[in-house]
Amino acid sequence: MVSNKKIAIMGIDNAGKTSILTAMKKRFNIPKEIKGLKPTKQIERSSVRFMDHVIYQSDYGGQKRYRDEYLSQTHKYLAGIDLLFYVIDIQDSLRFDETELYLNRILEYFEEVEFDVPVMIFFHKFDPRLRDDPTLQKNAKKIKKLLRPWQPKFKIEFSETTIYETHSIINAFSKGISMLYTKHEAIYRFILDLVEKMENVLSLLIFEQNGIELGSYFMEHLPLKMRKKILTLYEIAQQRILEQNRETYEFSDRLDAFTKISGVIQSFEIEGLVFFILLVLEEHSEEVVIDQFNFFEQSYTEIYEILRTLLLDEKDKSEALNPP
């Protein structure tokens, strides 16, 4: 495992690349934040820390003059990319041929120089009010069909995203990052073991400070609508912790008219990084919820040590591969 990775965020103009990065950085009040965003000029670079690694993000301006420049000097602009996030405006079917041509040229370069670059396709602007519109589903199928010839050659994943549901963007980023880094089995074992020992668990989620998921559990057959509501509640709870400078935040809510829940989010600071773990229970009685919360609290030391060991182990690997 190498310490640093380079992620390219690409797509044609007006696809929504910059708004996606704004959502990852801000995560709260996103529709308000993106008002007035101007098109990216050339390439805008930033970095984010993930575990003990640095991920360099390059937002490539999508206007035609920039695209032509990237493609005319591919070795200058496309060499060294470890992961490609390619953003497509799923509502703008009139430009599908244009965006497909651009992506094809990028993948042709990767194939030519034998770069095994994983690709995460964002079907962006898949907004809630249009989710049931059959046109969007038809558009997504069309794009997947257009990209089918590339799938034997590259690892390609797809995610539906919208700025109106920040968790959709966080989920897409997490899926992309997981294509670079192996899943941490110790975290997944901890989650499953803890869930088996508890009652009425609907969800257990672990995130690092930038919103990238490290591990998750949802009760089997939990409807997608309820999963999305839980992810929204996680965003709200995390915001409360950050705004109020707290380590723990408890809440109650409803997933639908019949499902009342209780939740708790706990933050951990380890080696200068902040992690968040969210537990959501279906509430049948207050006594059971209190008992389960108390049992969950007893696991904090274990999850702290798992995350700390993971960090130190990855730091050792990084130093071994990148000696001073």
C-alpha atoms as a PDB file:
ATOM      1  CA  MET A   1       0.000   0.000   0.000  1.00  0.00           C
ATOM      2  CA  VAL A   2       1.416   3.352  -0.962  1.00  0.00           C
ATOM      3  CA  SER A   3       0.989   6.448   1.125  1.00  0.00           C
ATOM      4  CA  ASN A   4      -0.334   8.921  -1.417  1.00  0.00           C
ATOM      5  CA  LYS A   5      -2.896   8.620  -4.200  1.00  0.00           C
ATOM      6  CA  LYS A   6      -4.006  10.915  -6.990  1.00  0.00           C
ATOM      7  CA  ILE A   7      -7.697  11.188  -7.821  1.00  0.00           C
ATOM      8  CA  ALA A   8      -8.890  12.940 -10.979  1.00  0.00           C
ATOM      9  CA  ILE A   9     -12.404  14.394 -11.093  1.00  0.00           C
ATOM     10  CA  MET A  10     -13.319  14.796 -14.755  1.00  0.00           C
ATOM     11  CA  GLY A  11     -16.308  15.314 -17.024  1.00  0.00           C
ATOM     12  CA  ILE A  12     -17.599  17.865 -19.490  1.00  0.00           C
ATOM     13  CA  ASP A  13     -18.611  21.369 -18.401  1.00  0.00           C
ATOM     14  CA  ASN A  14     -21.732  21.798 -16.266  1.00  0.00           C
ATOM     15  CA  ALA A  15     -21.728  18.163 -15.149  1.00  0.00           C
ATOM     16  CA  GLY A  16     -21.465  19.192 -11.475  1.00  0.00           C
ATOM     17  CA  LYS A  17     -17.865  18.286 -10.598  1.00  0.00           C
ATOM     18  CA  THR A  18     -17.162  21.332  -8.448  1.00  0.00           C
ATOM     19  CA  SER A  19     -20.463  21.042  -6.580  1.00  0.00           C
ATOM     20  CA  ILE A  20     -19.583  17.436  -5.725  1.00  0.00           C
ATOM     21  CA  LEU A  21     -16.235  18.480  -4.249  1.00  0.00           C
ATOM     22  CA  THR A  22     -17.973  21.293  -2.359  1.00  0.00           C
ATOM     23  CA  ALA A  23     -20.385  18.742  -0.907  1.00  0.00           C
ATOM     24  CA  MET A  24     -17.489  16.562   0.286  1.00  0.00           C
ATOM     25  CA  LYS A  25     -15.705  19.522   1.881  1.00  0.00           C
ATOM     26  CA  LYS A  26     -18.699  21.284   3.439  1.00  0.00           C
ATOM     27  CA  ARG A  27     -21.292  18.485   3.816  1.00  0.00           C
ATOM     28  CA  PHE A  28     -23.864  20.824   5.401  1.00  0.00           C
ATOM     29  CA  ASN A  29     -26.240  23.316   3.694  1.00  0.00           C
ATOM     30  CA  ILE A  30     -24.893  22.246   0.307  1.00  0.00           C
ATOM     31  CA  PRO A  31     -27.567  23.710  -2.029  1.00  0.00           C
ATOM     32  CA  LYS A  32     -26.861  27.109  -0.451  1.00  0.00           C
ATOM     33  CA  GLU A  33     -23.087  26.614  -0.663  1.00  0.00           C
ATOM     34  CA  ILE A  34     -23.015  25.890  -4.396  1.00  0.00           C
ATOM     35  CA  LYS A  35     -24.940  28.992  -5.446  1.00  0.00           C
ATOM     36  CA  GLY A  36     -22.628  31.213  -7.429  1.00  0.00           C
ATOM     37  CA  LEU A  37     -19.993  28.544  -8.078  1.00  0.00           C
ATOM     38  CA  LYS A  38     -18.056  29.403 -11.194  1.00  0.00           C
ATOM     39  CA  PRO A  39     -16.739  26.939 -13.802  1.00  0.00           C
ATOM     40  CA  THR A  40     -13.352  25.448 -12.948  1.00  0.00           C
ATOM     41  CA  LYS A  41     -10.464  27.013 -14.835  1.00  0.00           C
ATOM     42  CA  GLN A  42      -7.837  24.533 -16.018  1.00  0.00           C
ATOM     43  CA  ILE A  43      -7.199  22.285 -12.982  1.00  0.00           C
ATOM     44  CA  GLU A  44      -7.900  23.036  -9.329  1.00  0.00           C
ATOM     45  CA  ARG A  45      -5.981  20.896  -6.853  1.00  0.00           C
ATOM     46  CA  SER A  46      -6.621  20.063  -3.229  1.00  0.00           C
ATOM     47  CA  SER A  47      -5.745  17.313  -0.790  1.00  0.00           C
ATOM     48  CA  VAL A  48      -7.501  15.378   1.913  1.00  0.00           C
ATOM     49  CA  ARG A  49      -6.168  13.060   4.587  1.00  0.00           C
ATOM     50  CA  PHE A  50      -7.630   9.560   4.662  1.00  0.00           C
ATOM     51  CA  MET A  51      -6.447   7.437   7.564  1.00  0.00           C
ATOM     52  CA  ASP A  52      -2.668   7.866   7.386  1.00  0.00           C
ATOM     53  CA  HIS A  53      -2.611   8.683   3.670  1.00  0.00           C
ATOM     54  CA  VAL A  54      -2.822  11.856   1.637  1.00  0.00           C
ATOM     55  CA  ILE A  55      -5.220  11.827  -1.293  1.00  0.00           C
ATOM     56  CA  TYR A  56      -4.593  14.504  -3.905  1.00  0.00           C
ATOM     57  CA  GLN A  57      -7.717  15.604  -5.770  1.00  0.00           C
ATOM     58  CA  SER A  58      -7.535  17.319  -9.150  1.00  0.00           C
ATOM     59  CA  ASP A  59     -10.704  18.951 -10.458  1.00  0.00           C
ATOM     60  CA  TYR A  60     -10.276  19.185 -14.238  1.00  0.00           C
ATOM     61  CA  GLY A  61     -12.161  22.039 -15.877  1.00  0.00           C
ATOM     62  CA  GLY A  62     -14.653  20.601 -18.347  1.00  0.00           C
ATOM     63  CA  GLN A  63     -14.877  23.362 -20.919  1.00  0.00           C
ATOM     64  CA  LYS A  64     -13.948  22.237 -24.425  1.00  0.00           C
ATOM     65  CA  ARG A  65     -10.749  24.266 -24.670  1.00  0.00           C
ATOM     66  CA  TYR A  66      -9.441  22.595 -21.506  1.00  0.00           C
ATOM     67  CA  ARG A  67     -10.517  19.128 -22.620  1.00  0.00           C
ATOM     68  CA  ASP A  68      -8.708  19.582 -25.916  1.00  0.00           C
ATOM     69  CA  GLU A  69      -5.572  20.614 -24.039  1.00  0.00           C
ATOM     70  CA  TYR A  70      -5.676  17.599 -21.692  1.00  0.00           C
ATOM     71  CA  LEU A  71      -6.139  15.211 -24.605  1.00  0.00           C
ATOM     72  CA  SER A  72      -3.411  16.799 -26.708  1.00  0.00           C
ATOM     73  CA  GLN A  73      -0.915  16.452 -23.820  1.00  0.00           C
ATOM     74  CA  THR A  74      -2.094  13.275 -22.135  1.00  0.00           C
ATOM     75  CA  HIS A  75       1.292  12.410 -20.619  1.00  0.00           C
ATOM     76  CA  LYS A  76       1.347  15.791 -18.905  1.00  0.00           C
ATOM     77  CA  TYR A  77      -2.213  15.790 -17.595  1.00  0.00           C
ATOM     78  CA  LEU A  78      -3.284  12.156 -17.225  1.00  0.00           C
ATOM     79  CA  ALA A  79      -0.127  10.347 -16.115  1.00  0.00           C
ATOM     80  CA  GLY A  80      -0.015   9.205 -12.502  1.00  0.00           C
ATOM     81  CA  ILE A  81      -3.775   9.062 -11.936  1.00  0.00           C
ATOM     82  CA  ASP A  82      -4.715   6.305  -9.480  1.00  0.00           C
ATOM     83  CA  LEU A  83      -8.503   6.692  -9.544  1.00  0.00           C
ATOM     84  CA  LEU A  84     -10.866   8.445 -11.965  1.00  0.00           C
ATOM     85  CA  PHE A  85     -14.120   9.983 -10.796  1.00  0.00           C
ATOM     86  CA  TYR A  86     -16.045  10.744 -13.979  1.00  0.00           C
ATOM     87  CA  VAL A  87     -19.142  12.926 -13.560  1.00  0.00           C
ATOM     88  CA  ILE A  88     -22.091  12.794 -15.961  1.00  0.00           C
ATOM     89  CA  ASP A  89     -25.150  15.047 -15.804  1.00  0.00           C
ATOM     90  CA  ILE A  90     -27.791  12.314 -15.955  1.00  0.00           C
ATOM     91  CA  GLN A  91     -30.446  14.864 -16.958  1.00  0.00           C
ATOM     92  CA  ASP A  92     -28.550  16.202 -19.979  1.00  0.00           C
ATOM     93  CA  SER A  93     -29.112  13.419 -22.515  1.00  0.00           C
ATOM     94  CA  LEU A  94     -28.367  15.774 -25.411  1.00  0.00           C
ATOM     95  CA  ARG A  95     -24.693  15.749 -24.401  1.00  0.00           C
ATOM     96  CA  PHE A  96     -24.261  12.011 -23.746  1.00  0.00           C
ATOM     97  CA  ASP A  97     -22.406  11.513 -27.025  1.00  0.00           C
ATOM     98  CA  GLU A  98     -20.049  14.359 -26.122  1.00  0.00           C
ATOM     99  CA  THR A  99     -19.301  13.050 -22.639  1.00  0.00           C
ATOM    100  CA  GLU A 100     -18.903   9.474 -23.926  1.00  0.00           C
ATOM    101  CA  LEU A 101     -16.371  10.642 -26.517  1.00  0.00           C
ATOM    102  CA  TYR A 102     -14.354  12.473 -23.851  1.00  0.00           C
ATOM    103  CA  LEU A 103     -14.349   9.488 -21.486  1.00  0.00           C
ATOM    104  CA  ASN A 104     -13.410   7.140 -24.339  1.00  0.00           C
ATOM    105  CA  ARG A 105     -10.375   9.275 -25.159  1.00  0.00           C
ATOM    106  CA  ILE A 106      -9.269   9.201 -21.518  1.00  0.00           C
ATOM    107  CA  LEU A 107      -9.671   5.425 -21.266  1.00  0.00           C
ATOM    108  CA  GLU A 108      -7.893   4.933 -24.586  1.00  0.00           C
ATOM    109  CA  TYR A 109      -4.872   6.698 -23.116  1.00  0.00           C
ATOM    110  CA  PHE A 110      -4.969   4.552 -19.951  1.00  0.00           C
ATOM    111  CA  GLU A 111      -5.185   1.443 -22.133  1.00  0.00           C
ATOM    112  CA  GLU A 112      -2.343   2.594 -24.368  1.00  0.00           C
ATOM    113  CA  VAL A 113       0.056   3.172 -21.466  1.00  0.00           C
ATOM    114  CA  GLU A 114      -1.303   0.158 -19.531  1.00  0.00           C
ATOM    115  CA  PHE A 115      -2.567   2.134 -16.535  1.00  0.00           C
ATOM    116  CA  ASP A 116      -4.955  -0.033 -14.527  1.00  0.00           C
ATOM    117  CA  VAL A 117      -7.066   2.882 -13.301  1.00  0.00           C
ATOM    118  CA  PRO A 118     -10.373   2.106 -11.550  1.00  0.00           C
ATOM    119  CA  VAL A 119     -13.260   4.322 -12.649  1.00  0.00           C
ATOM    120  CA  MET A 120     -16.206   5.538 -10.587  1.00  0.00           C
ATOM    121  CA  ILE A 121     -18.991   6.988 -12.740  1.00  0.00           C
ATOM    122  CA  PHE A 122     -21.207   9.559 -10.998  1.00  0.00           C
ATOM    123  CA  PHE A 123     -24.702   9.681 -12.450  1.00  0.00           C
ATOM    124  CA  HIS A 124     -25.043  13.189 -11.098  1.00  0.00           C
ATOM    125  CA  LYS A 125     -28.128  15.396 -10.654  1.00  0.00           C
ATOM    126  CA  PHE A 126     -30.185  12.275  -9.895  1.00  0.00           C
ATOM    127  CA  ASP A 127     -32.362  14.580  -7.794  1.00  0.00           C
ATOM    128  CA  PRO A 128     -35.046  13.258  -5.409  1.00  0.00           C
ATOM    129  CA  ARG A 129     -37.920  14.942  -7.234  1.00  0.00           C
ATOM    130  CA  LEU A 130     -36.912  13.123 -10.440  1.00  0.00           C
ATOM    131  CA  ARG A 131     -35.953   9.753  -8.972  1.00  0.00           C
ATOM    132  CA  ASP A 132     -39.144   8.067 -10.141  1.00  0.00           C
ATOM    133  CA  ASP A 133     -38.861   9.590 -13.605  1.00  0.00           C
ATOM    134  CA  PRO A 134     -38.343   6.635 -15.994  1.00  0.00           C
ATOM    135  CA  THR A 135     -36.320   8.913 -18.273  1.00  0.00           C
ATOM    136  CA  LEU A 136     -33.443   9.051 -15.783  1.00  0.00           C
ATOM    137  CA  GLN A 137     -33.360   5.279 -15.421  1.00  0.00           C
ATOM    138  CA  LYS A 138     -33.389   4.987 -19.198  1.00  0.00           C
ATOM    139  CA  ASN A 139     -30.511   7.486 -19.399  1.00  0.00           C
ATOM    140  CA  ALA A 140     -28.469   5.490 -16.886  1.00  0.00           C
ATOM    141  CA  LYS A 141     -29.002   2.263 -18.828  1.00  0.00           C
ATOM    142  CA  LYS A 142     -27.969   3.992 -22.035  1.00  0.00           C
ATOM    143  CA  ILE A 143     -24.677   5.177 -20.539  1.00  0.00           C
ATOM    144  CA  LYS A 144     -23.917   1.760 -19.073  1.00  0.00           C
ATOM    145  CA  LYS A 145     -24.515   0.225 -22.482  1.00  0.00           C
ATOM    146  CA  LEU A 146     -22.168   2.748 -24.112  1.00  0.00           C
ATOM    147  CA  LEU A 147     -19.435   1.858 -21.612  1.00  0.00           C
ATOM    148  CA  ARG A 148     -19.897  -1.911 -21.831  1.00  0.00           C
ATOM    149  CA  PRO A 149     -16.919  -2.402 -24.208  1.00  0.00           C
ATOM    150  CA  TRP A 150     -14.601  -0.938 -21.549  1.00  0.00           C
ATOM    151  CA  GLN A 151     -15.757  -3.036 -18.611  1.00  0.00           C
ATOM    152  CA  PRO A 152     -13.587  -6.097 -19.362  1.00  0.00           C
ATOM    153  CA  LYS A 153     -10.549  -3.798 -19.419  1.00  0.00           C
ATOM    154  CA  PHE A 154     -11.202  -1.530 -16.422  1.00  0.00           C
ATOM    155  CA  LYS A 155     -12.925  -1.815 -13.083  1.00  0.00           C
ATOM    156  CA  ILE A 156     -15.929   0.484 -13.526  1.00  0.00           C
ATOM    157  CA  GLU A 157     -18.554   1.238 -10.870  1.00  0.00           C
ATOM    158  CA  PHE A 158     -21.622   3.489 -10.994  1.00  0.00           C
ATOM    159  CA  SER A 159     -23.314   5.666  -8.361  1.00  0.00           C
ATOM    160  CA  GLU A 160     -26.357   7.927  -8.446  1.00  0.00           C
ATOM    161  CA  THR A 161     -25.583  11.276  -6.800  1.00  0.00           C
ATOM    162  CA  THR A 162     -27.294  14.550  -6.016  1.00  0.00           C
ATOM    163  CA  ILE A 163     -26.333  17.607  -3.988  1.00  0.00           C
ATOM    164  CA  TYR A 164     -29.734  17.398  -2.280  1.00  0.00           C
ATOM    165  CA  GLU A 165     -28.683  14.138  -0.590  1.00  0.00           C
ATOM    166  CA  THR A 166     -25.122  14.600   0.580  1.00  0.00           C
ATOM    167  CA  HIS A 167     -24.924  10.971   1.659  1.00  0.00           C
ATOM    168  CA  SER A 168     -25.247   9.925  -2.003  1.00  0.00           C
ATOM    169  CA  ILE A 169     -22.004  11.783  -2.760  1.00  0.00           C
ATOM    170  CA  ILE A 170     -20.278  10.473   0.354  1.00  0.00           C
ATOM    171  CA  ASN A 171     -21.316   6.938  -0.606  1.00  0.00           C
ATOM    172  CA  ALA A 172     -19.925   7.358  -4.133  1.00  0.00           C
ATOM    173  CA  PHE A 173     -16.628   8.686  -2.783  1.00  0.00           C
ATOM    174  CA  SER A 174     -16.451   5.828  -0.271  1.00  0.00           C
ATOM    175  CA  LYS A 175     -17.035   3.262  -3.017  1.00  0.00           C
ATOM    176  CA  GLY A 176     -14.330   4.893  -5.068  1.00  0.00           C
ATOM    177  CA  ILE A 177     -11.820   4.966  -2.214  1.00  0.00           C
ATOM    178  CA  SER A 178     -12.552   1.298  -1.499  1.00  0.00           C
ATOM    179  CA  MET A 179     -11.338   0.566  -5.044  1.00  0.00           C
ATOM    180  CA  LEU A 180      -7.943   1.891  -3.949  1.00  0.00           C
ATOM    181  CA  TYR A 181      -7.642   0.555  -0.429  1.00  0.00           C
ATOM    182  CA  THR A 182      -8.601  -2.896   0.787  1.00  0.00           C
ATOM    183  CA  LYS A 183     -11.476  -3.067   3.240  1.00  0.00           C
ATOM    184  CA  HIS A 184     -10.378  -3.279   6.840  1.00  0.00           C
ATOM    185  CA  GLU A 185     -11.568  -6.694   7.955  1.00  0.00           C
ATOM    186  CA  ALA A 186     -11.031  -5.975  11.664  1.00  0.00           C
ATOM    187  CA  ILE A 187     -13.615  -3.187  11.513  1.00  0.00           C
ATOM    188  CA  TYR A 188     -16.140  -5.347   9.681  1.00  0.00           C
ATOM    189  CA  ARG A 189     -15.647  -8.209  12.132  1.00  0.00           C
ATOM    190  CA  PHE A 190     -16.129  -5.817  15.041  1.00  0.00           C
ATOM    191  CA  ILE A 191     -19.354  -4.451  13.545  1.00  0.00           C
ATOM    192  CA  LEU A 192     -20.876  -7.875  12.871  1.00  0.00           C
ATOM    193  CA  ASP A 193     -19.813  -9.223  16.253  1.00  0.00           C
ATOM    194  CA  LEU A 194     -21.308  -6.243  18.067  1.00  0.00           C
ATOM    195  CA  VAL A 195     -24.575  -6.407  16.134  1.00  0.00           C
ATOM    196  CA  GLU A 196     -24.959 -10.100  16.972  1.00  0.00           C
ATOM    197  CA  LYS A 197     -24.684  -9.297  20.690  1.00  0.00           C
ATOM    198  CA  MET A 198     -27.283  -6.531  20.634  1.00  0.00           C
ATOM    199  CA  GLU A 199     -31.030  -6.251  20.146  1.00  0.00           C
ATOM    200  CA  ASN A 200     -33.049  -4.214  17.670  1.00  0.00           C
ATOM    201  CA  VAL A 201     -30.072  -2.865  15.702  1.00  0.00           C
ATOM    202  CA  LEU A 202     -31.141  -1.241  12.448  1.00  0.00           C
ATOM    203  CA  SER A 203     -27.778   0.234  11.535  1.00  0.00           C
ATOM    204  CA  LEU A 204     -24.183   0.629  12.710  1.00  0.00           C
ATOM    205  CA  LEU A 205     -21.902   2.940  10.711  1.00  0.00           C
ATOM    206  CA  ILE A 206     -18.261   4.010  11.052  1.00  0.00           C
ATOM    207  CA  PHE A 207     -16.915   7.041   9.184  1.00  0.00           C
ATOM    208  CA  GLU A 208     -13.644   8.944   9.227  1.00  0.00           C
ATOM    209  CA  GLN A 209     -13.561  12.721   9.494  1.00  0.00           C
ATOM    210  CA  ASN A 210     -13.882  13.457   5.763  1.00  0.00           C
ATOM    211  CA  GLY A 211     -17.064  11.441   5.421  1.00  0.00           C
ATOM    212  CA  ILE A 212     -15.491   8.312   3.942  1.00  0.00           C
ATOM    213  CA  GLU A 213     -17.135   5.135   5.192  1.00  0.00           C
ATOM    214  CA  LEU A 214     -14.881   2.600   6.923  1.00  0.00           C
ATOM    215  CA  GLY A 215     -17.558   0.034   7.685  1.00  0.00           C
ATOM    216  CA  SER A 216     -21.323  -0.267   7.821  1.00  0.00           C
ATOM    217  CA  TYR A 217     -24.195  -2.539   8.779  1.00  0.00           C
ATOM    218  CA  PHE A 218     -27.867  -2.217   7.860  1.00  0.00           C
ATOM    219  CA  MET A 219     -30.478  -4.708   8.985  1.00  0.00           C
ATOM    220  CA  GLU A 220     -31.224  -7.149   6.173  1.00  0.00           C
ATOM    221  CA  HIS A 221     -34.189  -6.140   4.019  1.00  0.00           C
ATOM    222  CA  LEU A 222     -34.231  -2.621   5.507  1.00  0.00           C
ATOM    223  CA  PRO A 223     -35.917  -0.541   2.755  1.00  0.00           C
ATOM    224  CA  LEU A 224     -33.715   1.820   0.779  1.00  0.00           C
ATOM    225  CA  LYS A 225     -35.833   4.780   1.876  1.00  0.00           C
ATOM    226  CA  MET A 226     -35.097   3.974   5.529  1.00  0.00           C
ATOM    227  CA  ARG A 227     -31.363   3.540   4.839  1.00  0.00           C
ATOM    228  CA  LYS A 228     -31.280   6.973   3.248  1.00  0.00           C
ATOM    229  CA  LYS A 229     -33.127   8.465   6.231  1.00  0.00           C
ATOM    230  CA  ILE A 230     -30.528   6.936   8.574  1.00  0.00           C
ATOM    231  CA  LEU A 231     -27.689   8.429   6.527  1.00  0.00           C
ATOM    232  CA  THR A 232     -29.408  11.815   6.666  1.00  0.00           C
ATOM    233  CA  LEU A 233     -29.743  11.464  10.443  1.00  0.00           C
ATOM    234  CA  TYR A 234     -26.031  10.651  10.609  1.00  0.00           C
ATOM    235  CA  GLU A 235     -25.222  13.920   8.818  1.00  0.00           C
ATOM    236  CA  ILE A 236     -27.450  15.864  11.217  1.00  0.00           C
ATOM    237  CA  ALA A 237     -25.975  14.153  14.296  1.00  0.00           C
ATOM    238  CA  GLN A 238     -22.416  14.727  13.108  1.00  0.00           C
ATOM    239  CA  GLN A 239     -23.200  18.393  12.537  1.00  0.00           C
ATOM    240  CA  ARG A 240     -24.574  18.674  16.083  1.00  0.00           C
ATOM    241  CA  ILE A 241     -21.391  17.153  17.518  1.00  0.00           C
ATOM    242  CA  LEU A 242     -19.160  19.517  15.561  1.00  0.00           C
ATOM    243  CA  GLU A 243     -21.226  22.632  16.253  1.00  0.00           C
ATOM    244  CA  GLN A 244     -21.609  21.905  19.962  1.00  0.00           C
ATOM    245  CA  ASN A 245     -18.076  20.552  20.454  1.00  0.00           C
ATOM    246  CA  ARG A 246     -19.385  17.295  21.926  1.00  0.00           C
ATOM    247  CA  GLU A 247     -18.170  13.721  21.833  1.00  0.00           C
ATOM    248  CA  THR A 248     -21.607  12.079  22.047  1.00  0.00           C
ATOM    249  CA  TYR A 249     -25.022  12.985  20.724  1.00  0.00           C
ATOM    250  CA  GLU A 250     -28.255  11.000  21.294  1.00  0.00           C
ATOM    251  CA  PHE A 251     -31.486  11.443  19.363  1.00  0.00           C
ATOM    252  CA  SER A 252     -34.924   9.967  18.659  1.00  0.00           C
ATOM    253  CA  ASP A 253     -36.848  10.050  15.396  1.00  0.00           C
ATOM    254  CA  ARG A 254     -39.091   8.032  13.078  1.00  0.00           C
ATOM    255  CA  LEU A 255     -38.115   6.264   9.864  1.00  0.00           C
ATOM    256  CA  ASP A 256     -41.785   6.023   8.908  1.00  0.00           C
ATOM    257  CA  ALA A 257     -45.176   6.193  10.607  1.00  0.00           C
ATOM    258  CA  PHE A 258     -44.616   2.850  12.349  1.00  0.00           C
ATOM    259  CA  THR A 259     -40.858   2.723  13.039  1.00  0.00           C
ATOM    260  CA  LYS A 260     -39.628   4.780  15.962  1.00  0.00           C
ATOM    261  CA  ILE A 261     -35.870   4.830  16.474  1.00  0.00           C
ATOM    262  CA  SER A 262     -33.258   5.904  18.985  1.00  0.00           C
ATOM    263  CA  GLY A 263     -29.717   6.688  17.944  1.00  0.00           C
ATOM    264  CA  VAL A 264     -26.363   7.695  19.342  1.00  0.00           C
ATOM    265  CA  ILE A 265     -23.261   8.986  17.581  1.00  0.00           C
ATOM    266  CA  GLN A 266     -19.856   8.867  19.269  1.00  0.00           C
ATOM    267  CA  SER A 267     -16.676  10.576  18.093  1.00  0.00           C
ATOM    268  CA  PHE A 268     -13.126   9.364  18.670  1.00  0.00           C
ATOM    269  CA  GLU A 269      -9.912  11.304  18.165  1.00  0.00           C
ATOM    270  CA  ILE A 270      -7.005   8.994  17.367  1.00  0.00           C
ATOM    271  CA  GLU A 271      -3.557  10.017  16.174  1.00  0.00           C
ATOM    272  CA  GLY A 272      -4.886  13.430  15.165  1.00  0.00           C
ATOM    273  CA  LEU A 273      -7.811  12.004  13.182  1.00  0.00           C
ATOM    274  CA  VAL A 274     -11.495  12.056  14.129  1.00  0.00           C
ATOM    275  CA  PHE A 275     -13.788   9.065  13.636  1.00  0.00           C
ATOM    276  CA  PHE A 276     -17.550   8.774  14.088  1.00  0.00           C
ATOM    277  CA  ILE A 277     -19.595   5.693  14.937  1.00  0.00           C
ATOM    278  CA  LEU A 278     -23.388   5.747  14.706  1.00  0.00           C
ATOM    279  CA  LEU A 279     -25.772   3.225  16.269  1.00  0.00           C
ATOM    280  CA  VAL A 280     -29.481   3.227  15.390  1.00  0.00           C
ATOM    281  CA  LEU A 281     -31.957   1.030  17.280  1.00  0.00           C
ATOM    282  CA  GLU A 282     -35.605   0.333  16.657  1.00  0.00           C
ATOM    283  CA  GLU A 283     -37.281   1.607  19.790  1.00  0.00           C
ATOM    284  CA  HIS A 284     -39.705  -0.751  21.510  1.00  0.00           C
ATOM    285  CA  SER A 285     -39.185   0.364  25.100  1.00  0.00           C
ATOM    286  CA  GLU A 286     -37.087   3.012  26.786  1.00  0.00           C
ATOM    287  CA  GLU A 287     -35.581   0.465  29.182  1.00  0.00           C
ATOM    288  CA  VAL A 288     -34.251  -1.716  26.355  1.00  0.00           C
ATOM    289  CA  VAL A 289     -32.791   1.310  24.572  1.00  0.00           C
ATOM    290  CA  ILE A 290     -30.964   2.394  27.740  1.00  0.00           C
ATOM    291  CA  ASP A 291     -29.581  -1.117  28.247  1.00  0.00           C
ATOM    292  CA  GLN A 292     -28.399  -1.315  24.626  1.00  0.00           C
ATOM    293  CA  PHE A 293     -26.811   2.149  24.751  1.00  0.00           C
ATOM    294  CA  ASN A 294     -24.956   1.159  27.923  1.00  0.00           C
ATOM    295  CA  PHE A 295     -23.730  -2.044  26.273  1.00  0.00           C
ATOM    296  CA  PHE A 296     -22.673  -0.051  23.204  1.00  0.00           C
ATOM    297  CA  GLU A 297     -20.730   2.378  25.391  1.00  0.00           C
ATOM    298  CA  GLN A 298     -18.752  -0.533  26.815  1.00  0.00           C
ATOM    299  CA  SER A 299     -17.477  -1.286  23.303  1.00  0.00           C
ATOM    300  CA  TYR A 300     -15.834   2.127  22.865  1.00  0.00           C
ATOM    301  CA  THR A 301     -12.478   0.937  24.152  1.00  0.00           C
ATOM    302  CA  GLU A 302     -12.481  -1.953  21.682  1.00  0.00           C
ATOM    303  CA  ILE A 303     -13.322   0.155  18.629  1.00  0.00           C
ATOM    304  CA  TYR A 304     -10.774   2.766  19.721  1.00  0.00           C
ATOM    305  CA  GLU A 305      -8.050   0.128  19.851  1.00  0.00           C
ATOM    306  CA  ILE A 306      -9.080  -1.372  16.497  1.00  0.00           C
ATOM    307  CA  LEU A 307      -8.901   2.027  14.786  1.00  0.00           C
ATOM    308  CA  ARG A 308      -5.663   2.946  16.554  1.00  0.00           C
ATOM    309  CA  THR A 309      -4.026  -0.370  15.606  1.00  0.00           C
ATOM    310  CA  LEU A 310      -5.198   0.060  12.035  1.00  0.00           C
ATOM    311  CA  LEU A 311      -3.723   3.551  11.863  1.00  0.00           C
ATOM    312  CA  LEU A 312      -0.392   2.526  13.333  1.00  0.00           C
ATOM    313  CA  ASP A 313      -0.217  -0.555  11.090  1.00  0.00           C
ATOM    314  CA  GLU A 314      -0.830   1.527   7.968  1.00  0.00           C
ATOM    315  CA  LYS A 315       1.677   4.124   9.150  1.00  0.00           C
ATOM    316  CA  ASP A 316       4.315   1.385   9.516  1.00  0.00           C
ATOM    317  CA  LYS A 317       3.509   0.096   6.000  1.00  0.00           C
ATOM    318  CA  SER A 318       3.731   3.600   4.592  1.00  0.00           C
ATOM    319  CA  GLU A 319       7.114   4.252   6.231  1.00  0.00           C
ATOM    320  CA  ALA A 320       8.418   0.905   5.020  1.00  0.00           C
ATOM    321  CA  LEU A 321       7.448   1.726   1.442  1.00  0.00           C
ATOM    322  CA  ASN A 322       8.471   5.384   1.676  1.00  0.00           C
ATOM    323  CA  PRO A 323      11.571   5.575   3.887  1.00  0.00           C
ATOM    324  CA  PRO A 324      12.801   9.064   4.858  1.00  0.00           C
END
